[in-house]
N, C-alpha and C. Protein backbone atom coordinates (compact mmCIF):
# COMPACT_ATOMS: atom_id res chain seq x y z
N MET A 1 0.84 -1.19 -0.01
CA MET A 1 0.00 0.00 0.00
C MET A 1 0.87 1.23 0.01
N THR A 2 0.25 2.36 -0.32
CA THR A 2 0.94 3.63 -0.32
C THR A 2 0.11 4.62 0.48
N SER A 3 0.76 5.39 1.33
CA SER A 3 0.07 6.40 2.10
C SER A 3 0.46 7.76 1.57
N ALA A 4 -0.51 8.59 1.25
CA ALA A 4 -0.24 9.93 0.75
C ALA A 4 -0.87 10.93 1.67
N ILE A 5 -0.14 12.01 1.94
CA ILE A 5 -0.64 13.05 2.81
C ILE A 5 -0.56 14.36 2.06
N SER A 6 -1.66 15.07 1.98
CA SER A 6 -1.67 16.37 1.32
C SER A 6 -1.99 17.43 2.34
N PRO A 7 -1.47 18.65 2.16
CA PRO A 7 -1.75 19.73 3.11
C PRO A 7 -3.21 20.11 3.07
N PRO A 8 -3.71 20.67 4.20
CA PRO A 8 -5.10 21.07 4.23
C PRO A 8 -5.43 22.11 3.18
N PRO A 9 -6.56 21.96 2.50
CA PRO A 9 -6.95 22.98 1.54
C PRO A 9 -7.34 24.26 2.25
N PRO A 10 -7.33 25.40 1.53
CA PRO A 10 -7.66 26.70 2.15
C PRO A 10 -9.00 26.61 2.87
N GLY A 11 -9.06 27.19 4.07
CA GLY A 11 -10.31 27.27 4.78
C GLY A 11 -10.57 26.11 5.69
N ILE A 12 -9.70 25.08 5.68
CA ILE A 12 -9.90 23.94 6.58
C ILE A 12 -8.83 23.97 7.64
N GLU A 13 -9.25 24.05 8.88
CA GLU A 13 -8.30 24.06 10.01
C GLU A 13 -8.10 22.64 10.49
N PRO A 14 -6.95 22.36 11.13
CA PRO A 14 -6.74 21.03 11.69
C PRO A 14 -7.88 20.63 12.61
N GLY A 15 -8.34 19.37 12.44
CA GLY A 15 -9.43 18.89 13.26
C GLY A 15 -10.80 19.15 12.65
N HIS A 16 -10.87 19.88 11.53
CA HIS A 16 -12.14 20.14 10.89
C HIS A 16 -12.12 19.48 9.51
N GLY A 17 -12.60 18.26 9.46
CA GLY A 17 -12.58 17.51 8.20
C GLY A 17 -11.26 16.76 8.07
N ASP A 18 -11.15 15.86 7.11
CA ASP A 18 -9.95 15.06 6.92
C ASP A 18 -9.36 15.39 5.55
N PRO A 19 -8.30 16.20 5.50
CA PRO A 19 -7.74 16.65 4.23
C PRO A 19 -6.76 15.68 3.61
N SER A 20 -6.45 14.57 4.28
CA SER A 20 -5.41 13.68 3.79
C SER A 20 -5.99 12.53 3.00
N VAL A 21 -5.17 12.03 2.06
CA VAL A 21 -5.54 10.86 1.26
C VAL A 21 -4.76 9.68 1.82
N PHE A 22 -5.45 8.67 2.28
CA PHE A 22 -4.78 7.56 2.94
C PHE A 22 -4.86 6.31 2.07
N ASP A 23 -3.71 5.67 1.85
CA ASP A 23 -3.62 4.42 1.10
C ASP A 23 -4.31 4.48 -0.26
N PRO A 24 -3.95 5.42 -1.13
CA PRO A 24 -4.59 5.47 -2.45
C PRO A 24 -4.27 4.22 -3.26
N MET A 25 -5.21 3.81 -4.07
CA MET A 25 -5.01 2.62 -4.91
C MET A 25 -4.26 2.94 -6.19
N ASP A 26 -4.24 4.21 -6.59
CA ASP A 26 -3.63 4.59 -7.85
C ASP A 26 -2.39 5.45 -7.59
N ASP A 27 -1.71 5.85 -8.66
CA ASP A 27 -0.51 6.66 -8.52
C ASP A 27 -0.82 7.97 -7.80
N VAL A 28 0.13 8.39 -6.99
CA VAL A 28 -0.02 9.65 -6.26
C VAL A 28 0.25 10.80 -7.21
N PRO A 29 -0.59 11.84 -7.25
CA PRO A 29 -0.36 12.97 -8.16
C PRO A 29 0.98 13.63 -7.89
N ASP A 30 1.55 14.21 -8.92
CA ASP A 30 2.81 14.95 -8.76
C ASP A 30 2.65 16.06 -7.73
N GLY A 31 3.67 16.22 -6.91
CA GLY A 31 3.65 17.29 -5.95
C GLY A 31 3.01 16.95 -4.62
N VAL A 32 2.44 15.75 -4.47
CA VAL A 32 1.80 15.35 -3.22
C VAL A 32 2.77 14.47 -2.43
N PRO A 33 3.15 14.90 -1.22
CA PRO A 33 4.04 14.06 -0.40
C PRO A 33 3.38 12.71 -0.09
N TYR A 34 4.16 11.65 -0.08
CA TYR A 34 3.60 10.34 0.19
C TYR A 34 4.62 9.44 0.86
N VAL A 35 4.10 8.40 1.50
CA VAL A 35 4.94 7.36 2.10
C VAL A 35 4.44 6.03 1.52
N GLY A 36 5.37 5.25 0.98
CA GLY A 36 4.99 3.98 0.39
C GLY A 36 6.00 2.90 0.67
N ALA A 37 5.84 1.75 0.02
CA ALA A 37 6.76 0.62 0.18
C ALA A 37 7.30 0.24 -1.20
N THR A 38 8.39 -0.49 -1.20
CA THR A 38 9.05 -0.87 -2.45
C THR A 38 8.38 -2.12 -3.03
N HIS A 39 7.23 -1.93 -3.65
CA HIS A 39 6.42 -3.07 -4.12
C HIS A 39 7.10 -3.82 -5.27
N PHE A 40 7.77 -3.12 -6.16
CA PHE A 40 8.47 -3.80 -7.25
C PHE A 40 9.57 -4.71 -6.68
N LYS A 41 10.33 -4.18 -5.75
CA LYS A 41 11.38 -4.96 -5.11
C LYS A 41 10.79 -6.17 -4.36
N GLY A 42 9.65 -5.95 -3.73
CA GLY A 42 9.00 -7.05 -3.02
C GLY A 42 8.59 -8.18 -3.95
N GLY A 43 8.01 -7.80 -5.10
CA GLY A 43 7.64 -8.83 -6.09
C GLY A 43 8.85 -9.58 -6.61
N ARG A 44 9.95 -8.83 -6.82
CA ARG A 44 11.19 -9.48 -7.28
C ARG A 44 11.71 -10.45 -6.24
N SER A 45 11.72 -10.06 -4.99
CA SER A 45 12.27 -10.92 -3.96
C SER A 45 11.49 -12.21 -3.82
N ALA A 46 10.16 -12.13 -3.97
CA ALA A 46 9.33 -13.33 -3.88
C ALA A 46 9.61 -14.29 -5.04
N ALA A 47 9.60 -13.74 -6.27
CA ALA A 47 9.82 -14.58 -7.44
C ALA A 47 11.25 -15.11 -7.50
N ARG A 48 12.20 -14.29 -7.08
CA ARG A 48 13.61 -14.73 -7.09
C ARG A 48 13.81 -15.88 -6.11
N HIS A 49 13.10 -15.83 -4.98
CA HIS A 49 13.24 -16.88 -3.98
C HIS A 49 12.83 -18.24 -4.53
N VAL A 50 11.65 -18.31 -5.16
CA VAL A 50 11.21 -19.62 -5.66
C VAL A 50 11.97 -20.03 -6.90
N ALA A 51 12.38 -19.08 -7.74
CA ALA A 51 13.22 -19.42 -8.89
C ALA A 51 14.56 -19.98 -8.42
N GLY A 52 15.08 -19.42 -7.33
CA GLY A 52 16.34 -19.91 -6.78
C GLY A 52 16.24 -21.29 -6.20
N LEU A 53 15.04 -21.68 -5.82
CA LEU A 53 14.82 -23.04 -5.31
C LEU A 53 14.72 -24.07 -6.45
N GLY A 54 14.68 -23.58 -7.67
CA GLY A 54 14.62 -24.48 -8.81
C GLY A 54 13.29 -24.54 -9.54
N HIS A 55 12.32 -23.73 -9.09
CA HIS A 55 11.00 -23.74 -9.75
C HIS A 55 11.09 -23.07 -11.13
N ARG A 56 10.41 -23.65 -12.09
CA ARG A 56 10.40 -23.12 -13.46
C ARG A 56 8.98 -22.76 -13.91
N ARG A 57 7.99 -23.35 -13.31
CA ARG A 57 6.59 -22.98 -13.61
C ARG A 57 6.05 -22.24 -12.39
N ILE A 58 6.22 -20.92 -12.44
CA ILE A 58 5.88 -20.06 -11.30
C ILE A 58 4.67 -19.22 -11.71
N ALA A 59 3.56 -19.44 -11.05
CA ALA A 59 2.34 -18.70 -11.36
C ALA A 59 2.22 -17.49 -10.46
N MET A 60 1.41 -16.53 -10.87
CA MET A 60 1.08 -15.42 -10.00
C MET A 60 -0.41 -15.15 -10.00
N ILE A 61 -0.95 -15.04 -8.82
CA ILE A 61 -2.33 -14.56 -8.64
C ILE A 61 -2.20 -13.10 -8.26
N SER A 62 -2.51 -12.23 -9.21
CA SER A 62 -2.37 -10.78 -9.00
C SER A 62 -3.72 -10.20 -8.59
N GLY A 63 -3.70 -8.89 -8.35
CA GLY A 63 -4.93 -8.23 -7.94
C GLY A 63 -5.43 -7.29 -9.02
N PRO A 64 -6.33 -6.40 -8.66
CA PRO A 64 -6.88 -5.41 -9.60
C PRO A 64 -5.77 -4.49 -10.12
N ASP A 65 -6.12 -3.64 -11.06
CA ASP A 65 -5.13 -2.74 -11.66
C ASP A 65 -4.83 -1.54 -10.77
N HIS A 66 -4.47 -1.80 -9.52
CA HIS A 66 -4.02 -0.75 -8.64
C HIS A 66 -2.50 -0.66 -8.73
N ALA A 67 -1.96 0.51 -8.40
CA ALA A 67 -0.53 0.74 -8.58
C ALA A 67 0.31 -0.28 -7.84
N PHE A 68 -0.06 -0.63 -6.59
CA PHE A 68 0.79 -1.54 -5.83
C PHE A 68 0.71 -2.97 -6.38
N CYS A 69 -0.45 -3.38 -6.88
CA CYS A 69 -0.56 -4.72 -7.48
C CYS A 69 0.23 -4.79 -8.78
N LEU A 70 0.18 -3.75 -9.59
CA LEU A 70 0.92 -3.72 -10.84
C LEU A 70 2.43 -3.76 -10.58
N ALA A 71 2.88 -3.06 -9.53
CA ALA A 71 4.31 -3.04 -9.22
C ALA A 71 4.77 -4.41 -8.76
N ARG A 72 3.97 -5.09 -7.96
CA ARG A 72 4.36 -6.43 -7.48
C ARG A 72 4.43 -7.41 -8.65
N ALA A 73 3.45 -7.30 -9.55
CA ALA A 73 3.45 -8.18 -10.72
C ALA A 73 4.63 -7.88 -11.65
N ALA A 74 4.98 -6.61 -11.78
CA ALA A 74 6.14 -6.24 -12.62
C ALA A 74 7.42 -6.81 -12.06
N GLY A 75 7.55 -6.82 -10.74
CA GLY A 75 8.72 -7.43 -10.13
C GLY A 75 8.80 -8.91 -10.40
N TYR A 76 7.66 -9.57 -10.31
CA TYR A 76 7.61 -11.02 -10.63
C TYR A 76 8.02 -11.28 -12.06
N ARG A 77 7.47 -10.49 -13.00
CA ARG A 77 7.79 -10.71 -14.42
C ARG A 77 9.26 -10.44 -14.72
N SER A 78 9.85 -9.46 -14.04
CA SER A 78 11.24 -9.13 -14.29
C SER A 78 12.16 -10.30 -13.91
N VAL A 79 11.80 -11.02 -12.88
CA VAL A 79 12.61 -12.18 -12.47
C VAL A 79 12.52 -13.28 -13.52
N LEU A 80 11.33 -13.52 -14.04
CA LEU A 80 11.16 -14.56 -15.07
C LEU A 80 12.02 -14.21 -16.28
N GLU A 81 11.99 -12.95 -16.67
CA GLU A 81 12.79 -12.52 -17.83
C GLU A 81 14.27 -12.70 -17.58
N THR A 82 14.72 -12.30 -16.42
CA THR A 82 16.14 -12.40 -16.10
C THR A 82 16.58 -13.86 -16.04
N ALA A 83 15.72 -14.73 -15.54
CA ALA A 83 16.06 -16.14 -15.41
C ALA A 83 15.85 -16.92 -16.72
N GLY A 84 15.32 -16.24 -17.73
CA GLY A 84 15.08 -16.92 -19.00
C GLY A 84 13.92 -17.88 -18.95
N LEU A 85 12.98 -17.65 -18.04
CA LEU A 85 11.82 -18.53 -17.93
C LEU A 85 10.71 -18.03 -18.83
N PRO A 86 9.95 -18.94 -19.44
CA PRO A 86 8.88 -18.51 -20.32
C PRO A 86 7.80 -17.75 -19.57
N ALA A 87 7.36 -16.63 -20.11
CA ALA A 87 6.31 -15.85 -19.51
C ALA A 87 4.97 -16.37 -20.01
N ASP A 88 4.46 -17.39 -19.37
CA ASP A 88 3.18 -18.01 -19.77
C ASP A 88 2.05 -17.16 -19.19
N LEU A 89 1.34 -16.46 -20.06
CA LEU A 89 0.27 -15.59 -19.60
C LEU A 89 -0.86 -16.33 -18.94
N GLU A 90 -0.98 -17.64 -19.24
CA GLU A 90 -2.03 -18.44 -18.61
C GLU A 90 -1.70 -18.76 -17.15
N LEU A 91 -0.46 -18.47 -16.74
CA LEU A 91 -0.08 -18.68 -15.34
C LEU A 91 -0.24 -17.41 -14.51
N ILE A 92 -0.78 -16.36 -15.12
CA ILE A 92 -1.00 -15.11 -14.42
C ILE A 92 -2.51 -14.84 -14.39
N ILE A 93 -3.08 -14.79 -13.21
CA ILE A 93 -4.53 -14.56 -13.08
C ILE A 93 -4.74 -13.30 -12.24
N ARG A 94 -5.48 -12.35 -12.79
CA ARG A 94 -5.84 -11.14 -12.04
C ARG A 94 -7.24 -11.32 -11.46
N THR A 95 -7.34 -11.05 -10.18
CA THR A 95 -8.62 -11.27 -9.50
C THR A 95 -8.71 -10.35 -8.32
N GLY A 96 -9.70 -10.55 -7.47
CA GLY A 96 -9.83 -9.75 -6.26
C GLY A 96 -8.81 -10.16 -5.20
N LEU A 97 -8.81 -9.46 -4.09
CA LEU A 97 -7.79 -9.65 -3.08
C LEU A 97 -8.30 -10.43 -1.87
N THR A 98 -9.37 -11.20 -2.01
CA THR A 98 -9.91 -11.96 -0.88
C THR A 98 -9.41 -13.40 -0.90
N ARG A 99 -9.64 -14.08 0.21
CA ARG A 99 -9.30 -15.50 0.31
C ARG A 99 -10.05 -16.31 -0.72
N GLU A 100 -11.33 -15.98 -0.90
CA GLU A 100 -12.16 -16.71 -1.87
C GLU A 100 -11.65 -16.50 -3.29
N ASP A 101 -11.21 -15.28 -3.62
CA ASP A 101 -10.65 -15.00 -4.94
C ASP A 101 -9.39 -15.83 -5.16
N GLY A 102 -8.53 -15.89 -4.15
CA GLY A 102 -7.31 -16.66 -4.27
C GLY A 102 -7.59 -18.14 -4.46
N GLN A 103 -8.58 -18.65 -3.75
CA GLN A 103 -8.90 -20.07 -3.89
C GLN A 103 -9.44 -20.38 -5.28
N ALA A 104 -10.33 -19.52 -5.80
CA ALA A 104 -10.89 -19.76 -7.12
C ALA A 104 -9.81 -19.70 -8.21
N ALA A 105 -8.88 -18.76 -8.08
CA ALA A 105 -7.81 -18.66 -9.07
C ALA A 105 -6.90 -19.87 -8.99
N ALA A 106 -6.58 -20.29 -7.76
CA ALA A 106 -5.71 -21.45 -7.59
C ALA A 106 -6.38 -22.74 -8.09
N ASP A 107 -7.69 -22.85 -7.92
CA ASP A 107 -8.41 -24.01 -8.47
C ASP A 107 -8.14 -24.16 -9.95
N LYS A 108 -8.19 -23.03 -10.67
CA LYS A 108 -7.96 -23.05 -12.12
C LYS A 108 -6.52 -23.46 -12.44
N LEU A 109 -5.57 -22.87 -11.71
CA LEU A 109 -4.17 -23.15 -11.98
C LEU A 109 -3.81 -24.61 -11.68
N LEU A 110 -4.33 -25.13 -10.58
CA LEU A 110 -3.96 -26.46 -10.17
C LEU A 110 -4.70 -27.56 -10.95
N ALA A 111 -5.72 -27.16 -11.71
CA ALA A 111 -6.44 -28.12 -12.54
C ALA A 111 -5.74 -28.33 -13.87
N ARG A 112 -4.74 -27.52 -14.18
CA ARG A 112 -4.03 -27.62 -15.45
C ARG A 112 -3.18 -28.90 -15.46
N PRO A 113 -3.07 -29.56 -16.61
CA PRO A 113 -2.20 -30.74 -16.69
C PRO A 113 -0.73 -30.39 -16.43
N ASP A 114 -0.34 -29.16 -16.77
CA ASP A 114 1.02 -28.69 -16.53
C ASP A 114 0.98 -27.65 -15.42
N ARG A 115 0.39 -28.02 -14.30
CA ARG A 115 0.16 -27.08 -13.20
C ARG A 115 1.48 -26.47 -12.71
N PRO A 116 1.41 -25.28 -12.14
CA PRO A 116 2.62 -24.66 -11.59
C PRO A 116 3.10 -25.41 -10.37
N THR A 117 4.39 -25.28 -10.09
CA THR A 117 4.96 -25.86 -8.85
C THR A 117 5.13 -24.80 -7.77
N ALA A 118 4.90 -23.54 -8.13
CA ALA A 118 4.97 -22.45 -7.16
C ALA A 118 3.95 -21.38 -7.55
N ILE A 119 3.34 -20.75 -6.55
CA ILE A 119 2.38 -19.66 -6.78
C ILE A 119 2.73 -18.51 -5.86
N PHE A 120 2.87 -17.33 -6.46
CA PHE A 120 3.07 -16.08 -5.74
C PHE A 120 1.78 -15.29 -5.79
N THR A 121 1.32 -14.79 -4.67
CA THR A 121 0.07 -14.06 -4.63
C THR A 121 0.27 -12.59 -4.26
N ALA A 122 -0.68 -11.76 -4.66
CA ALA A 122 -0.55 -10.31 -4.42
C ALA A 122 -0.79 -9.95 -2.97
N ASN A 123 -1.40 -10.82 -2.20
CA ASN A 123 -1.52 -10.57 -0.75
C ASN A 123 -1.69 -11.89 0.00
N ASP A 124 -1.65 -11.82 1.32
CA ASP A 124 -1.69 -13.02 2.13
C ASP A 124 -3.06 -13.69 2.12
N LEU A 125 -4.14 -12.93 2.00
CA LEU A 125 -5.46 -13.53 1.96
C LEU A 125 -5.58 -14.46 0.76
N GLN A 126 -5.12 -14.01 -0.40
CA GLN A 126 -5.13 -14.87 -1.56
C GLN A 126 -4.32 -16.13 -1.31
N ALA A 127 -3.17 -16.00 -0.64
CA ALA A 127 -2.32 -17.14 -0.36
C ALA A 127 -3.04 -18.17 0.50
N LEU A 128 -3.81 -17.71 1.48
CA LEU A 128 -4.59 -18.65 2.30
C LEU A 128 -5.63 -19.36 1.47
N GLY A 129 -6.16 -18.70 0.46
CA GLY A 129 -7.06 -19.36 -0.49
C GLY A 129 -6.36 -20.44 -1.28
N VAL A 130 -5.10 -20.16 -1.66
CA VAL A 130 -4.29 -21.18 -2.36
C VAL A 130 -4.10 -22.39 -1.47
N TYR A 131 -3.88 -22.19 -0.18
CA TYR A 131 -3.75 -23.32 0.75
C TYR A 131 -4.98 -24.23 0.66
N GLN A 132 -6.19 -23.61 0.68
CA GLN A 132 -7.39 -24.42 0.64
C GLN A 132 -7.52 -25.15 -0.69
N ALA A 133 -7.21 -24.48 -1.79
CA ALA A 133 -7.29 -25.10 -3.10
C ALA A 133 -6.33 -26.28 -3.20
N ALA A 134 -5.12 -26.13 -2.63
CA ALA A 134 -4.14 -27.21 -2.64
C ALA A 134 -4.66 -28.41 -1.85
N ARG A 135 -5.23 -28.15 -0.69
CA ARG A 135 -5.78 -29.24 0.10
C ARG A 135 -6.89 -29.97 -0.66
N ASP A 136 -7.75 -29.19 -1.31
CA ASP A 136 -8.85 -29.79 -2.07
C ASP A 136 -8.34 -30.65 -3.21
N ALA A 137 -7.18 -30.27 -3.76
CA ALA A 137 -6.60 -31.01 -4.89
C ALA A 137 -5.70 -32.16 -4.42
N GLY A 138 -5.58 -32.34 -3.12
CA GLY A 138 -4.75 -33.41 -2.60
C GLY A 138 -3.27 -33.12 -2.68
N LEU A 139 -2.89 -31.83 -2.72
CA LEU A 139 -1.49 -31.45 -2.83
C LEU A 139 -0.96 -30.98 -1.48
N ARG A 140 0.28 -31.26 -1.24
CA ARG A 140 0.94 -30.87 0.01
C ARG A 140 1.77 -29.60 -0.22
N ILE A 141 1.77 -28.74 0.77
CA ILE A 141 2.60 -27.53 0.76
C ILE A 141 3.68 -27.72 1.83
N PRO A 142 4.96 -27.65 1.48
CA PRO A 142 5.54 -27.24 0.20
C PRO A 142 6.00 -28.40 -0.69
N GLU A 143 5.71 -29.66 -0.27
CA GLU A 143 6.27 -30.79 -1.02
C GLU A 143 5.83 -30.81 -2.48
N ASP A 144 4.55 -30.49 -2.71
CA ASP A 144 4.01 -30.50 -4.08
C ASP A 144 3.84 -29.11 -4.66
N LEU A 145 3.70 -28.10 -3.79
CA LEU A 145 3.41 -26.74 -4.25
C LEU A 145 4.01 -25.75 -3.25
N SER A 146 4.83 -24.83 -3.74
CA SER A 146 5.34 -23.75 -2.92
C SER A 146 4.43 -22.53 -3.05
N VAL A 147 4.24 -21.81 -1.95
CA VAL A 147 3.35 -20.64 -1.95
C VAL A 147 4.05 -19.48 -1.26
N VAL A 148 3.98 -18.32 -1.90
CA VAL A 148 4.53 -17.07 -1.32
C VAL A 148 3.44 -16.02 -1.32
N GLY A 149 3.22 -15.38 -0.20
CA GLY A 149 2.23 -14.32 -0.11
C GLY A 149 2.86 -12.95 -0.08
N TYR A 150 2.08 -11.96 0.35
CA TYR A 150 2.56 -10.58 0.40
C TYR A 150 1.79 -9.83 1.48
N ASP A 151 2.49 -9.14 2.33
CA ASP A 151 2.01 -8.28 3.41
C ASP A 151 2.55 -8.71 4.76
N ASP A 152 2.59 -10.03 5.04
CA ASP A 152 3.02 -10.56 6.33
C ASP A 152 2.08 -10.12 7.43
N VAL A 153 0.79 -10.39 7.23
CA VAL A 153 -0.18 -10.17 8.31
C VAL A 153 0.08 -11.20 9.40
N PRO A 154 -0.18 -10.88 10.66
CA PRO A 154 0.23 -11.76 11.75
C PRO A 154 -0.26 -13.19 11.65
N VAL A 155 -1.46 -13.42 11.15
CA VAL A 155 -2.03 -14.75 11.17
C VAL A 155 -1.25 -15.75 10.32
N VAL A 156 -0.53 -15.28 9.28
CA VAL A 156 0.10 -16.24 8.37
C VAL A 156 1.30 -16.96 9.01
N ALA A 157 1.84 -16.40 10.09
CA ALA A 157 2.90 -17.10 10.80
C ALA A 157 2.38 -18.33 11.51
N TRP A 158 1.07 -18.41 11.67
CA TRP A 158 0.44 -19.54 12.36
C TRP A 158 -0.31 -20.44 11.39
N ALA A 159 -0.20 -20.18 10.10
CA ALA A 159 -0.83 -21.06 9.10
C ALA A 159 -0.13 -22.41 9.12
N ASP A 160 -0.75 -23.39 8.48
CA ASP A 160 -0.17 -24.74 8.41
C ASP A 160 0.09 -25.11 6.96
N PRO A 161 1.35 -24.99 6.50
CA PRO A 161 2.55 -24.55 7.22
C PRO A 161 2.65 -23.03 7.26
N PRO A 162 3.50 -22.49 8.16
CA PRO A 162 3.69 -21.04 8.19
C PRO A 162 4.09 -20.50 6.81
N LEU A 163 3.50 -19.38 6.43
CA LEU A 163 3.61 -18.85 5.07
C LEU A 163 4.86 -18.02 4.85
N THR A 164 5.61 -18.34 3.79
CA THR A 164 6.65 -17.45 3.29
C THR A 164 5.98 -16.25 2.63
N THR A 165 6.39 -15.05 2.99
CA THR A 165 5.70 -13.87 2.48
C THR A 165 6.63 -12.66 2.46
N VAL A 166 6.20 -11.63 1.77
CA VAL A 166 6.92 -10.36 1.73
C VAL A 166 6.37 -9.46 2.82
N HIS A 167 7.25 -9.05 3.72
CA HIS A 167 6.83 -8.19 4.82
C HIS A 167 6.73 -6.75 4.36
N GLN A 168 5.54 -6.20 4.51
CA GLN A 168 5.33 -4.81 4.17
C GLN A 168 5.43 -3.99 5.46
N PRO A 169 6.28 -2.98 5.52
CA PRO A 169 6.57 -2.28 6.78
C PRO A 169 5.48 -1.30 7.18
N LEU A 170 4.30 -1.80 7.49
CA LEU A 170 3.16 -0.94 7.74
C LEU A 170 3.38 -0.03 8.95
N ALA A 171 3.99 -0.56 10.02
CA ALA A 171 4.21 0.27 11.21
C ALA A 171 5.16 1.41 10.89
N GLU A 172 6.24 1.09 10.17
CA GLU A 172 7.19 2.12 9.80
C GLU A 172 6.58 3.14 8.86
N MET A 173 5.73 2.67 7.93
CA MET A 173 5.07 3.58 7.01
C MET A 173 4.12 4.53 7.76
N ALA A 174 3.39 3.97 8.74
CA ALA A 174 2.45 4.79 9.50
C ALA A 174 3.19 5.86 10.30
N ALA A 175 4.34 5.45 10.90
CA ALA A 175 5.11 6.42 11.70
C ALA A 175 5.66 7.52 10.80
N ALA A 176 6.18 7.15 9.63
CA ALA A 176 6.71 8.14 8.71
C ALA A 176 5.61 9.06 8.19
N ALA A 177 4.44 8.49 7.92
CA ALA A 177 3.32 9.30 7.43
C ALA A 177 2.84 10.27 8.50
N THR A 178 2.84 9.82 9.75
CA THR A 178 2.41 10.71 10.84
C THR A 178 3.40 11.86 11.01
N GLU A 179 4.68 11.55 10.94
CA GLU A 179 5.70 12.60 11.06
C GLU A 179 5.58 13.60 9.91
N LEU A 180 5.32 13.09 8.71
CA LEU A 180 5.17 13.97 7.57
C LEU A 180 3.97 14.86 7.73
N ALA A 181 2.85 14.29 8.20
CA ALA A 181 1.65 15.08 8.39
C ALA A 181 1.84 16.17 9.42
N LEU A 182 2.57 15.85 10.50
CA LEU A 182 2.83 16.86 11.53
C LEU A 182 3.67 18.01 10.98
N LYS A 183 4.68 17.66 10.18
CA LYS A 183 5.52 18.72 9.60
C LYS A 183 4.70 19.61 8.67
N LEU A 184 3.86 18.99 7.87
CA LEU A 184 3.02 19.78 6.97
C LEU A 184 2.07 20.66 7.75
N GLY A 185 1.53 20.12 8.84
CA GLY A 185 0.60 20.88 9.66
C GLY A 185 1.27 22.09 10.31
N ARG A 186 2.59 21.98 10.56
CA ARG A 186 3.32 23.12 11.15
C ARG A 186 3.85 24.06 10.09
N GLY A 187 3.58 23.72 8.82
CA GLY A 187 4.04 24.57 7.73
C GLY A 187 5.51 24.41 7.41
N GLU A 188 6.12 23.32 7.86
CA GLU A 188 7.54 23.09 7.61
C GLU A 188 7.77 22.53 6.22
N GLN A 189 8.96 22.76 5.70
CA GLN A 189 9.35 22.16 4.42
C GLN A 189 9.72 20.69 4.67
N VAL A 190 9.27 19.81 3.78
CA VAL A 190 9.62 18.39 3.90
C VAL A 190 10.84 18.13 3.03
N PRO A 191 11.75 17.24 3.51
CA PRO A 191 13.00 17.03 2.77
C PRO A 191 12.81 16.36 1.42
N GLN A 192 11.75 15.59 1.26
CA GLN A 192 11.49 14.92 -0.02
C GLN A 192 10.00 14.66 -0.16
N LEU A 193 9.54 14.65 -1.42
CA LEU A 193 8.12 14.45 -1.65
C LEU A 193 7.69 13.01 -1.45
N GLY A 194 8.58 12.07 -1.82
CA GLY A 194 8.22 10.66 -1.73
C GLY A 194 9.20 9.88 -0.90
N LEU A 195 8.69 9.03 -0.03
CA LEU A 195 9.53 8.15 0.79
C LEU A 195 9.05 6.73 0.62
N GLU A 196 9.94 5.84 0.14
CA GLU A 196 9.60 4.43 0.02
C GLU A 196 10.44 3.64 1.01
N ILE A 197 9.76 2.87 1.84
CA ILE A 197 10.41 2.06 2.87
C ILE A 197 10.52 0.64 2.36
N ALA A 198 11.68 0.03 2.58
CA ALA A 198 11.97 -1.27 1.97
C ALA A 198 11.11 -2.41 2.54
N THR A 199 10.68 -3.26 1.64
CA THR A 199 10.06 -4.52 2.03
C THR A 199 11.16 -5.55 2.26
N ARG A 200 10.81 -6.70 2.83
CA ARG A 200 11.77 -7.79 2.98
C ARG A 200 11.04 -9.13 2.93
N LEU A 201 11.71 -10.12 2.39
CA LEU A 201 11.15 -11.45 2.29
C LEU A 201 11.32 -12.18 3.62
N VAL A 202 10.23 -12.79 4.11
CA VAL A 202 10.26 -13.59 5.32
C VAL A 202 10.07 -15.05 4.91
N VAL A 203 11.12 -15.84 4.99
CA VAL A 203 11.07 -17.24 4.54
C VAL A 203 10.61 -18.11 5.70
N ARG A 204 9.52 -18.81 5.48
CA ARG A 204 9.01 -19.75 6.47
C ARG A 204 8.95 -21.15 5.84
N GLU A 205 7.88 -21.86 6.05
CA GLU A 205 7.88 -23.28 5.68
C GLU A 205 6.98 -23.62 4.48
N SER A 206 6.50 -22.62 3.77
CA SER A 206 5.60 -22.90 2.63
C SER A 206 6.33 -22.99 1.30
N THR A 207 7.66 -22.87 1.33
CA THR A 207 8.43 -22.96 0.09
C THR A 207 9.55 -23.98 0.21
N ALA A 208 9.78 -24.70 -0.88
CA ALA A 208 10.84 -25.71 -0.93
C ALA A 208 11.17 -25.96 -2.39
N SER A 209 12.16 -26.79 -2.62
CA SER A 209 12.50 -27.16 -4.00
C SER A 209 11.30 -27.86 -4.65
N PRO A 210 11.13 -27.76 -5.97
CA PRO A 210 10.00 -28.41 -6.66
C PRO A 210 10.11 -29.91 -6.60
N PRO A 211 8.97 -30.61 -6.69
CA PRO A 211 9.02 -32.07 -6.71
C PRO A 211 9.76 -32.58 -7.94
N GLN A 212 10.45 -33.67 -7.79
CA GLN A 212 11.19 -34.27 -8.90
C GLN A 212 10.25 -35.10 -9.71
N ASP A 213 10.33 -34.98 -11.04
CA ASP A 213 9.46 -35.77 -11.94
C ASP A 213 9.90 -37.23 -11.92
């Protein structure tokens, strides 16, 4: 996600109305200070991880055409290109960001005769849907299918197995956004219009080398 903060419009005093734009789904307009995360880098780190384990059929369940979803998918595609892996468009499904959406997309992917051995999802809820689809298909995670999510919401550390995911620094983003808003409220100059805080891959037990044919 991306947090954008804009100064109060004329005639609005602090505490009277909400002048800030929080977590916009689309690109932030030029000139608007914002705090975001390195979504492209996050997508790259997820795809690079499973490619490094030896996976060659890596699917992605992406989300709607929001800026952060597009950046994560672009990172995934860049790894496939760098690794010389075929960019099979049938292995990329764009859908909603719910658990049910993830399960429905994974059902389609896992029903293929040449099913993927790894699936990267645009968020953790979709990844939990992939878990259910894998169970329904009689597949084991990670022995038969590796899964990587995105966000690192607390519950996924307790999934069975614990989910490998990209940690999005929401607490750090919130703190930076609050500091930026306070500076703007005091009329201070901000050192930079855009601040992107690094994501990081958290490797748990949902990823492993692909099954041997």
